[in-house]
């Protein structure tokens, strides 16, 4: 599909649904409205399929559809979605570049990246650029809906062990990040925070970290919040990437083998 065709199709869809979403954003009585979602994919059938999955959910409204990354950025500025469901490979501007711009220009907007393959160097690049998670395109509708809700809360929609497998395959050999990510200074973390960070990077979830360190789940959450703030990362996905790139995981492996 040409970029021009994508612009015509998605622009019309975005304009039509956007008007309805404008009144749906705030529910009666001032309560928060449904999650506003922008869909970005260069294949019209895929966009329509995603919209048919997301649209009927009462907690979600599709505000626009984009056929390439450049259009996704423009529509994100126009409609201010809560979540962008972003295909990685698109013309004009790919999903990684679009993710980086949206993360920098619209910090309140979360990006959920989609890829044909669950082990893909472009996915790592998207997480580095600011995506809050990723899904393979063959996930079930229920998994997609759950992931949209997850990234909307500020969490990463990536299974811890799947993320670890992905990073161990690509982080040490991938090209430099396309968008600047703060270099972590481990000395800023307390020993407890550093240990939580290390365990998070090895694939443990919050409950497993609590059991490993013999602390409560709420304490784990507090430590993770501090780790995010001190490292200057948005979510678990970027924290794990930072752990691999800083060498903390490799150092831990070396100590274990000693």
C-alpha atoms as a PDB file:
ATOM      1  CA  UNK A   1       0.000   0.000   0.000  1.00  0.00           C
ATOM      2  CA  UNK A   2       1.356   3.420  -0.871  1.00  0.00           C
ATOM      3  CA  UNK A   3       1.889   6.070   1.757  1.00  0.00           C
ATOM      4  CA  UNK A   4      -0.626   8.276   0.000  1.00  0.00           C
ATOM      5  CA  UNK A   5      -3.280   5.588   0.141  1.00  0.00           C
ATOM      6  CA  UNK A   6      -2.538   5.024   3.811  1.00  0.00           C
ATOM      7  CA  UNK A   7      -2.946   8.709   4.533  1.00  0.00           C
ATOM      8  CA  UNK A   8      -6.337   8.919   2.822  1.00  0.00           C
ATOM      9  CA  UNK A   9      -7.764   5.840   4.512  1.00  0.00           C
ATOM     10  CA  UNK A  10      -6.457   6.493   7.998  1.00  0.00           C
ATOM     11  CA  UNK A  11      -7.092  10.218   7.899  1.00  0.00           C
ATOM     12  CA  UNK A  12     -10.764   9.609   7.226  1.00  0.00           C
ATOM     13  CA  UNK A  13     -11.003   6.971   9.916  1.00  0.00           C
ATOM     14  CA  UNK A  14      -9.175   9.165  12.380  1.00  0.00           C
ATOM     15  CA  UNK A  15     -11.421  12.121  11.718  1.00  0.00           C
ATOM     16  CA  UNK A  16     -14.594  10.089  12.057  1.00  0.00           C
ATOM     17  CA  UNK A  17     -13.744   8.261  15.254  1.00  0.00           C
ATOM     18  CA  UNK A  18     -11.927  11.208  16.755  1.00  0.00           C
ATOM     19  CA  UNK A  19     -15.105  13.281  16.952  1.00  0.00           C
ATOM     20  CA  UNK A  20     -16.920  10.615  18.903  1.00  0.00           C
ATOM     21  CA  UNK A  21     -13.950  10.141  21.168  1.00  0.00           C
ATOM     22  CA  UNK A  22     -13.861  13.784  22.029  1.00  0.00           C
ATOM     23  CA  UNK A  23     -17.097  13.432  23.961  1.00  0.00           C
ATOM     24  CA  UNK A  24     -16.178   9.997  25.282  1.00  0.00           C
ATOM     25  CA  UNK A  25     -12.939  11.106  26.936  1.00  0.00           C
ATOM     26  CA  UNK A  26     -14.644  12.243  30.132  1.00  0.00           C
ATOM     27  CA  UNK A  27     -17.536  10.267  31.452  1.00  0.00           C
ATOM     28  CA  UNK A  28     -20.588  11.830  33.049  1.00  0.00           C
ATOM     29  CA  UNK A  29     -19.770  13.313  36.443  1.00  0.00           C
ATOM     30  CA  UNK A  30     -16.137  14.035  35.482  1.00  0.00           C
ATOM     31  CA  UNK A  31     -14.915  10.436  35.913  1.00  0.00           C
ATOM     32  CA  UNK A  32     -12.072   9.245  33.668  1.00  0.00           C
ATOM     33  CA  UNK A  33     -13.322   8.038  30.314  1.00  0.00           C
ATOM     34  CA  UNK A  34     -12.235   5.050  28.210  1.00  0.00           C
ATOM     35  CA  UNK A  35      -8.661   4.442  27.111  1.00  0.00           C
ATOM     36  CA  UNK A  36      -8.041   6.408  23.912  1.00  0.00           C
ATOM     37  CA  UNK A  37      -6.147   4.287  21.386  1.00  0.00           C
ATOM     38  CA  UNK A  38      -4.446   5.169  18.096  1.00  0.00           C
ATOM     39  CA  UNK A  39      -3.682   2.267  15.742  1.00  0.00           C
ATOM     40  CA  UNK A  40      -0.647   2.531  13.423  1.00  0.00           C
ATOM     41  CA  UNK A  41      -0.090  -0.146  10.782  1.00  0.00           C
ATOM     42  CA  UNK A  42       0.609   0.108   7.060  1.00  0.00           C
ATOM     43  CA  UNK A  43      -1.821  -2.719   6.189  1.00  0.00           C
ATOM     44  CA  UNK A  44      -5.472  -1.609   6.075  1.00  0.00           C
ATOM     45  CA  UNK A  45      -6.772  -5.079   6.899  1.00  0.00           C
ATOM     46  CA  UNK A  46      -4.566  -5.295   9.974  1.00  0.00           C
ATOM     47  CA  UNK A  47      -5.687  -1.851  11.125  1.00  0.00           C
ATOM     48  CA  UNK A  48      -9.314  -2.812  10.651  1.00  0.00           C
ATOM     49  CA  UNK A  49      -8.792  -6.096  12.487  1.00  0.00           C
ATOM     50  CA  UNK A  50      -7.193  -4.343  15.439  1.00  0.00           C
ATOM     51  CA  UNK A  51      -9.993  -1.769  15.501  1.00  0.00           C
ATOM     52  CA  UNK A  52     -12.605  -4.535  15.473  1.00  0.00           C
ATOM     53  CA  UNK A  53     -10.896  -6.147  18.470  1.00  0.00           C
ATOM     54  CA  UNK A  54     -10.380  -2.952  20.473  1.00  0.00           C
ATOM     55  CA  UNK A  55     -13.386  -0.858  19.487  1.00  0.00           C
ATOM     56  CA  UNK A  56     -16.202  -2.943  20.993  1.00  0.00           C
ATOM     57  CA  UNK A  57     -14.579  -2.957  24.440  1.00  0.00           C
ATOM     58  CA  UNK A  58     -16.445  -0.454  26.662  1.00  0.00           C
ATOM     59  CA  UNK A  59     -13.167   0.644  28.278  1.00  0.00           C
ATOM     60  CA  UNK A  60     -11.474   1.515  24.980  1.00  0.00           C
ATOM     61  CA  UNK A  61     -12.170   3.939  22.134  1.00  0.00           C
ATOM     62  CA  UNK A  62     -10.167   3.972  18.883  1.00  0.00           C
ATOM     63  CA  UNK A  63      -9.604   7.656  18.138  1.00  0.00           C
ATOM     64  CA  UNK A  64      -7.595   7.344  14.885  1.00  0.00           C
ATOM     65  CA  UNK A  65      -5.768   5.024  12.500  1.00  0.00           C
ATOM     66  CA  UNK A  66      -2.464   5.743  10.767  1.00  0.00           C
ATOM     67  CA  UNK A  67      -0.854   4.090   7.748  1.00  0.00           C
ATOM     68  CA  UNK A  68       2.768   5.038   8.504  1.00  0.00           C
ATOM     69  CA  UNK A  69       4.913   6.339  11.338  1.00  0.00           C
ATOM     70  CA  UNK A  70       4.890   9.969  10.244  1.00  0.00           C
ATOM     71  CA  UNK A  71       1.114   9.986  10.179  1.00  0.00           C
ATOM     72  CA  UNK A  72       1.031   8.237  13.555  1.00  0.00           C
ATOM     73  CA  UNK A  73       3.046  11.063  15.098  1.00  0.00           C
ATOM     74  CA  UNK A  74       0.819  13.710  13.521  1.00  0.00           C
ATOM     75  CA  UNK A  75      -2.394  11.990  14.633  1.00  0.00           C
ATOM     76  CA  UNK A  76      -0.983  11.460  18.123  1.00  0.00           C
ATOM     77  CA  UNK A  77      -0.464  15.221  18.416  1.00  0.00           C
ATOM     78  CA  UNK A  78      -3.982  15.845  17.097  1.00  0.00           C
ATOM     79  CA  UNK A  79      -5.903  13.309  19.174  1.00  0.00           C
ATOM     80  CA  UNK A  80      -3.688  12.863  22.280  1.00  0.00           C
ATOM     81  CA  UNK A  81      -4.303   9.121  22.668  1.00  0.00           C
ATOM     82  CA  UNK A  82      -3.463   7.292  25.869  1.00  0.00           C
ATOM     83  CA  UNK A  83      -1.984   4.334  23.972  1.00  0.00           C
ATOM     84  CA  UNK A  84      -0.596   3.914  20.459  1.00  0.00           C
ATOM     85  CA  UNK A  85      -0.657   0.359  19.088  1.00  0.00           C
ATOM     86  CA  UNK A  86       2.366   0.643  16.793  1.00  0.00           C
ATOM     87  CA  UNK A  87       3.561  -1.690  14.045  1.00  0.00           C
ATOM     88  CA  UNK A  88       7.358  -1.759  13.911  1.00  0.00           C
ATOM     89  CA  UNK A  89       7.829  -1.984  10.150  1.00  0.00           C
ATOM     90  CA  UNK A  90       6.077   0.834   8.289  1.00  0.00           C
ATOM     91  CA  UNK A  91       6.938   3.147   5.376  1.00  0.00           C
ATOM     92  CA  UNK A  92       7.908   6.845   5.510  1.00  0.00           C
ATOM     93  CA  UNK A  93       8.852   6.626   9.203  1.00  0.00           C
ATOM     94  CA  UNK A  94       9.120   3.212  10.825  1.00  0.00           C
ATOM     95  CA  UNK A  95       7.607   2.292  14.173  1.00  0.00           C
ATOM     96  CA  UNK A  96      10.881   2.742  16.046  1.00  0.00           C
ATOM     97  CA  UNK A  97      11.339   6.284  14.825  1.00  0.00           C
ATOM     98  CA  UNK A  98       7.695   7.118  15.468  1.00  0.00           C
ATOM     99  CA  UNK A  99       7.924   5.638  18.970  1.00  0.00           C
ATOM    100  CA  UNK A 100      10.954   7.764  19.775  1.00  0.00           C
ATOM    101  CA  UNK A 101       9.213  10.940  18.650  1.00  0.00           C
ATOM    102  CA  UNK A 102       5.990  10.182  20.502  1.00  0.00           C
ATOM    103  CA  UNK A 103       7.871   9.270  23.695  1.00  0.00           C
ATOM    104  CA  UNK A 104       9.822  12.547  23.516  1.00  0.00           C
ATOM    105  CA  UNK A 105       7.033  14.850  22.353  1.00  0.00           C
ATOM    106  CA  UNK A 106       4.017  13.306  24.144  1.00  0.00           C
ATOM    107  CA  UNK A 107       5.317  11.806  27.404  1.00  0.00           C
ATOM    108  CA  UNK A 108       1.803  10.988  28.616  1.00  0.00           C
ATOM    109  CA  UNK A 109       1.214   8.673  25.649  1.00  0.00           C
ATOM    110  CA  UNK A 110       2.225   5.011  25.909  1.00  0.00           C
ATOM    111  CA  UNK A 111       3.328   2.926  22.929  1.00  0.00           C
ATOM    112  CA  UNK A 112       2.600  -0.781  22.553  1.00  0.00           C
ATOM    113  CA  UNK A 113       4.781  -2.123  19.733  1.00  0.00           C
ATOM    114  CA  UNK A 114       3.701  -4.955  17.457  1.00  0.00           C
ATOM    115  CA  UNK A 115       5.991  -7.258  15.521  1.00  0.00           C
ATOM    116  CA  UNK A 116       5.607 -10.291  13.282  1.00  0.00           C
ATOM    117  CA  UNK A 117       8.323 -12.024  15.313  1.00  0.00           C
ATOM    118  CA  UNK A 118       8.659 -12.080  19.099  1.00  0.00           C
ATOM    119  CA  UNK A 119      12.477 -12.143  18.816  1.00  0.00           C
ATOM    120  CA  UNK A 120      13.335  -9.163  16.652  1.00  0.00           C
ATOM    121  CA  UNK A 121      16.077  -6.546  16.957  1.00  0.00           C
ATOM    122  CA  UNK A 122      13.603  -3.856  15.941  1.00  0.00           C
ATOM    123  CA  UNK A 123      11.572  -4.625  19.056  1.00  0.00           C
ATOM    124  CA  UNK A 124      14.599  -3.976  21.262  1.00  0.00           C
ATOM    125  CA  UNK A 125      15.108  -0.701  19.423  1.00  0.00           C
ATOM    126  CA  UNK A 126      11.455   0.207  20.033  1.00  0.00           C
ATOM    127  CA  UNK A 127      11.786  -0.497  23.765  1.00  0.00           C
ATOM    128  CA  UNK A 128      14.910   1.628  23.857  1.00  0.00           C
ATOM    129  CA  UNK A 129      13.069   4.392  22.025  1.00  0.00           C
ATOM    130  CA  UNK A 130      10.362   4.446  24.687  1.00  0.00           C
ATOM    131  CA  UNK A 131       7.805   1.720  23.929  1.00  0.00           C
ATOM    132  CA  UNK A 132       6.134   0.371  27.052  1.00  0.00           C
ATOM    133  CA  UNK A 133       5.952  -3.147  25.694  1.00  0.00           C
ATOM    134  CA  UNK A 134       5.592  -5.339  22.665  1.00  0.00           C
ATOM    135  CA  UNK A 135       3.440  -8.156  21.367  1.00  0.00           C
ATOM    136  CA  UNK A 136       3.768 -10.546  18.429  1.00  0.00           C
ATOM    137  CA  UNK A 137       0.992 -10.031  15.900  1.00  0.00           C
ATOM    138  CA  UNK A 138      -0.426 -13.511  16.432  1.00  0.00           C
ATOM    139  CA  UNK A 139      -1.548 -12.858  20.023  1.00  0.00           C
ATOM    140  CA  UNK A 140      -5.131 -13.505  21.016  1.00  0.00           C
ATOM    141  CA  UNK A 141      -7.655 -10.647  21.231  1.00  0.00           C
ATOM    142  CA  UNK A 142      -7.724 -11.109  25.005  1.00  0.00           C
ATOM    143  CA  UNK A 143      -3.939 -10.673  25.224  1.00  0.00           C
ATOM    144  CA  UNK A 144      -4.078  -7.530  23.101  1.00  0.00           C
ATOM    145  CA  UNK A 145      -6.804  -5.990  25.257  1.00  0.00           C
ATOM    146  CA  UNK A 146      -4.920  -6.869  28.439  1.00  0.00           C
ATOM    147  CA  UNK A 147      -1.701  -5.375  27.063  1.00  0.00           C
ATOM    148  CA  UNK A 148      -3.404  -2.086  26.156  1.00  0.00           C
ATOM    149  CA  UNK A 149      -4.754  -1.825  29.701  1.00  0.00           C
ATOM    150  CA  UNK A 150      -1.351  -2.707  31.154  1.00  0.00           C
ATOM    151  CA  UNK A 151       0.651  -0.076  29.273  1.00  0.00           C
ATOM    152  CA  UNK A 152      -2.053   2.479  30.021  1.00  0.00           C
ATOM    153  CA  UNK A 153      -1.298   2.030  33.745  1.00  0.00           C
ATOM    154  CA  UNK A 154       2.388   2.713  33.116  1.00  0.00           C
ATOM    155  CA  UNK A 155       3.543  -0.901  33.377  1.00  0.00           C
ATOM    156  CA  UNK A 156       5.433  -2.836  30.714  1.00  0.00           C
ATOM    157  CA  UNK A 157       3.345  -5.303  28.705  1.00  0.00           C
ATOM    158  CA  UNK A 158       6.154  -7.820  28.282  1.00  0.00           C
ATOM    159  CA  UNK A 159       6.365 -11.156  30.078  1.00  0.00           C
ATOM    160  CA  UNK A 160       9.531 -10.962  32.238  1.00  0.00           C
ATOM    161  CA  UNK A 161      11.131 -14.163  30.907  1.00  0.00           C
ATOM    162  CA  UNK A 162      10.233 -13.348  27.306  1.00  0.00           C
ATOM    163  CA  UNK A 163      11.827  -9.929  27.718  1.00  0.00           C
ATOM    164  CA  UNK A 164      14.949 -11.484  29.236  1.00  0.00           C
ATOM    165  CA  UNK A 165      15.252 -13.956  26.352  1.00  0.00           C
ATOM    166  CA  UNK A 166      14.885 -11.141  23.852  1.00  0.00           C
ATOM    167  CA  UNK A 167      17.464  -8.945  25.533  1.00  0.00           C
ATOM    168  CA  UNK A 168      20.012 -11.701  26.014  1.00  0.00           C
ATOM    169  CA  UNK A 169      19.787 -12.368  22.272  1.00  0.00           C
ATOM    170  CA  UNK A 170      20.042  -8.776  21.033  1.00  0.00           C
ATOM    171  CA  UNK A 171      21.117  -6.145  23.544  1.00  0.00           C
ATOM    172  CA  UNK A 172      24.856  -6.773  23.489  1.00  0.00           C
ATOM    173  CA  UNK A 173      25.051  -6.883  19.674  1.00  0.00           C
ATOM    174  CA  UNK A 174      22.379  -4.415  18.594  1.00  0.00           C
ATOM    175  CA  UNK A 175      23.178  -1.043  17.086  1.00  0.00           C
ATOM    176  CA  UNK A 176      23.378   1.990  19.396  1.00  0.00           C
ATOM    177  CA  UNK A 177      20.008   3.307  20.610  1.00  0.00           C
ATOM    178  CA  UNK A 178      18.173   5.575  18.189  1.00  0.00           C
ATOM    179  CA  UNK A 179      17.054   7.775  21.061  1.00  0.00           C
ATOM    180  CA  UNK A 180      19.118   8.778  24.050  1.00  0.00           C
ATOM    181  CA  UNK A 181      18.539   6.703  27.164  1.00  0.00           C
ATOM    182  CA  UNK A 182      20.174   7.838  30.429  1.00  0.00           C
ATOM    183  CA  UNK A 183      23.327   5.942  31.350  1.00  0.00           C
ATOM    184  CA  UNK A 184      22.572   4.329  34.721  1.00  0.00           C
ATOM    185  CA  UNK A 185      24.864   5.137  37.625  1.00  0.00           C
ATOM    186  CA  UNK A 186      24.638   2.089  39.856  1.00  0.00           C
ATOM    187  CA  UNK A 187      26.129   4.013  42.764  1.00  0.00           C
ATOM    188  CA  UNK A 188      22.913   6.051  43.012  1.00  0.00           C
ATOM    189  CA  UNK A 189      20.986   2.937  44.025  1.00  0.00           C
ATOM    190  CA  UNK A 190      20.892   1.541  47.531  1.00  0.00           C
ATOM    191  CA  UNK A 191      22.100  -2.065  47.882  1.00  0.00           C
ATOM    192  CA  UNK A 192      18.474  -3.241  48.169  1.00  0.00           C
ATOM    193  CA  UNK A 193      17.440  -1.298  45.070  1.00  0.00           C
ATOM    194  CA  UNK A 194      20.405  -2.642  43.100  1.00  0.00           C
ATOM    195  CA  UNK A 195      19.471  -6.193  44.079  1.00  0.00           C
ATOM    196  CA  UNK A 196      15.838  -5.671  43.047  1.00  0.00           C
ATOM    197  CA  UNK A 197      17.078  -4.264  39.731  1.00  0.00           C
ATOM    198  CA  UNK A 198      19.351  -7.273  39.177  1.00  0.00           C
ATOM    199  CA  UNK A 199      16.616  -9.793  39.999  1.00  0.00           C
ATOM    200  CA  UNK A 200      14.186  -7.937  37.730  1.00  0.00           C
ATOM    201  CA  UNK A 201      16.731  -8.202  34.911  1.00  0.00           C
ATOM    202  CA  UNK A 202      17.100 -11.959  35.389  1.00  0.00           C
ATOM    203  CA  UNK A 203      13.398 -12.406  34.680  1.00  0.00           C
ATOM    204  CA  UNK A 204      11.795 -12.568  38.127  1.00  0.00           C
ATOM    205  CA  UNK A 205       8.387 -11.008  38.626  1.00  0.00           C
ATOM    206  CA  UNK A 206       7.479  -8.990  41.738  1.00  0.00           C
ATOM    207  CA  UNK A 207       6.280 -12.004  43.707  1.00  0.00           C
ATOM    208  CA  UNK A 208       9.427 -13.973  42.937  1.00  0.00           C
ATOM    209  CA  UNK A 209      11.624 -10.995  43.882  1.00  0.00           C
ATOM    210  CA  UNK A 210       9.763 -10.710  47.189  1.00  0.00           C
ATOM    211  CA  UNK A 211      10.348 -14.394  47.904  1.00  0.00           C
ATOM    212  CA  UNK A 212      14.005 -14.239  46.897  1.00  0.00           C
ATOM    213  CA  UNK A 213      14.709 -11.223  49.121  1.00  0.00           C
ATOM    214  CA  UNK A 214      12.261 -12.178  51.895  1.00  0.00           C
ATOM    215  CA  UNK A 215      10.445  -8.843  51.704  1.00  0.00           C
ATOM    216  CA  UNK A 216       6.831  -7.872  51.074  1.00  0.00           C
ATOM    217  CA  UNK A 217       5.337  -7.252  47.661  1.00  0.00           C
ATOM    218  CA  UNK A 218       4.656  -3.617  48.539  1.00  0.00           C
ATOM    219  CA  UNK A 219       8.300  -3.144  49.474  1.00  0.00           C
ATOM    220  CA  UNK A 220       9.330  -4.595  46.109  1.00  0.00           C
ATOM    221  CA  UNK A 221       7.033  -2.122  44.358  1.00  0.00           C
ATOM    222  CA  UNK A 222       8.557   0.779  46.323  1.00  0.00           C
ATOM    223  CA  UNK A 223      12.071  -0.337  45.403  1.00  0.00           C
ATOM    224  CA  UNK A 224      11.094  -0.674  41.730  1.00  0.00           C
ATOM    225  CA  UNK A 225       9.624   2.842  41.734  1.00  0.00           C
ATOM    226  CA  UNK A 226      12.892   4.153  43.181  1.00  0.00           C
ATOM    227  CA  UNK A 227      14.904   2.227  40.586  1.00  0.00           C
ATOM    228  CA  UNK A 228      12.845   3.750  37.762  1.00  0.00           C
ATOM    229  CA  UNK A 229      13.265   7.270  39.157  1.00  0.00           C
ATOM    230  CA  UNK A 230      17.005   6.967  39.795  1.00  0.00           C
ATOM    231  CA  UNK A 231      17.775   5.362  36.437  1.00  0.00           C
ATOM    232  CA  UNK A 232      15.549   7.807  34.571  1.00  0.00           C
ATOM    233  CA  UNK A 233      13.604   5.032  32.840  1.00  0.00           C
ATOM    234  CA  UNK A 234       9.866   4.862  32.131  1.00  0.00           C
ATOM    235  CA  UNK A 235       9.081   1.247  32.937  1.00  0.00           C
ATOM    236  CA  UNK A 236      10.283  -2.283  33.585  1.00  0.00           C
ATOM    237  CA  UNK A 237      11.260  -2.884  29.973  1.00  0.00           C
ATOM    238  CA  UNK A 238      13.707   0.024  29.896  1.00  0.00           C
ATOM    239  CA  UNK A 239      15.009  -0.866  33.377  1.00  0.00           C
ATOM    240  CA  UNK A 240      15.897  -4.366  32.193  1.00  0.00           C
ATOM    241  CA  UNK A 241      17.567  -3.004  29.060  1.00  0.00           C
ATOM    242  CA  UNK A 242      19.596  -0.645  31.253  1.00  0.00           C
ATOM    243  CA  UNK A 243      20.652  -3.584  33.442  1.00  0.00           C
ATOM    244  CA  UNK A 244      21.997  -5.484  30.450  1.00  0.00           C
ATOM    245  CA  UNK A 245      23.721  -2.456  28.964  1.00  0.00           C
ATOM    246  CA  UNK A 246      25.302  -1.483  32.278  1.00  0.00           C
ATOM    247  CA  UNK A 247      26.754  -4.973  32.734  1.00  0.00           C
ATOM    248  CA  UNK A 248      25.022  -5.639  36.054  1.00  0.00           C
ATOM    249  CA  UNK A 249      23.545  -8.931  34.808  1.00  0.00           C
ATOM    250  CA  UNK A 250      26.759 -10.137  33.229  1.00  0.00           C
ATOM    251  CA  UNK A 251      28.653  -9.218  36.410  1.00  0.00           C
ATOM    252  CA  UNK A 252      26.198 -11.220  38.462  1.00  0.00           C
ATOM    253  CA  UNK A 253      26.632 -14.230  36.180  1.00  0.00           C
ATOM    254  CA  UNK A 254      30.404 -14.002  36.529  1.00  0.00           C
ATOM    255  CA  UNK A 255      30.130 -13.987  40.344  1.00  0.00           C
ATOM    256  CA  UNK A 256      27.802 -16.994  40.220  1.00  0.00           C
ATOM    257  CA  UNK A 257      30.289 -18.936  38.095  1.00  0.00           C
ATOM    258  CA  UNK A 258      33.271 -18.010  40.263  1.00  0.00           C
END
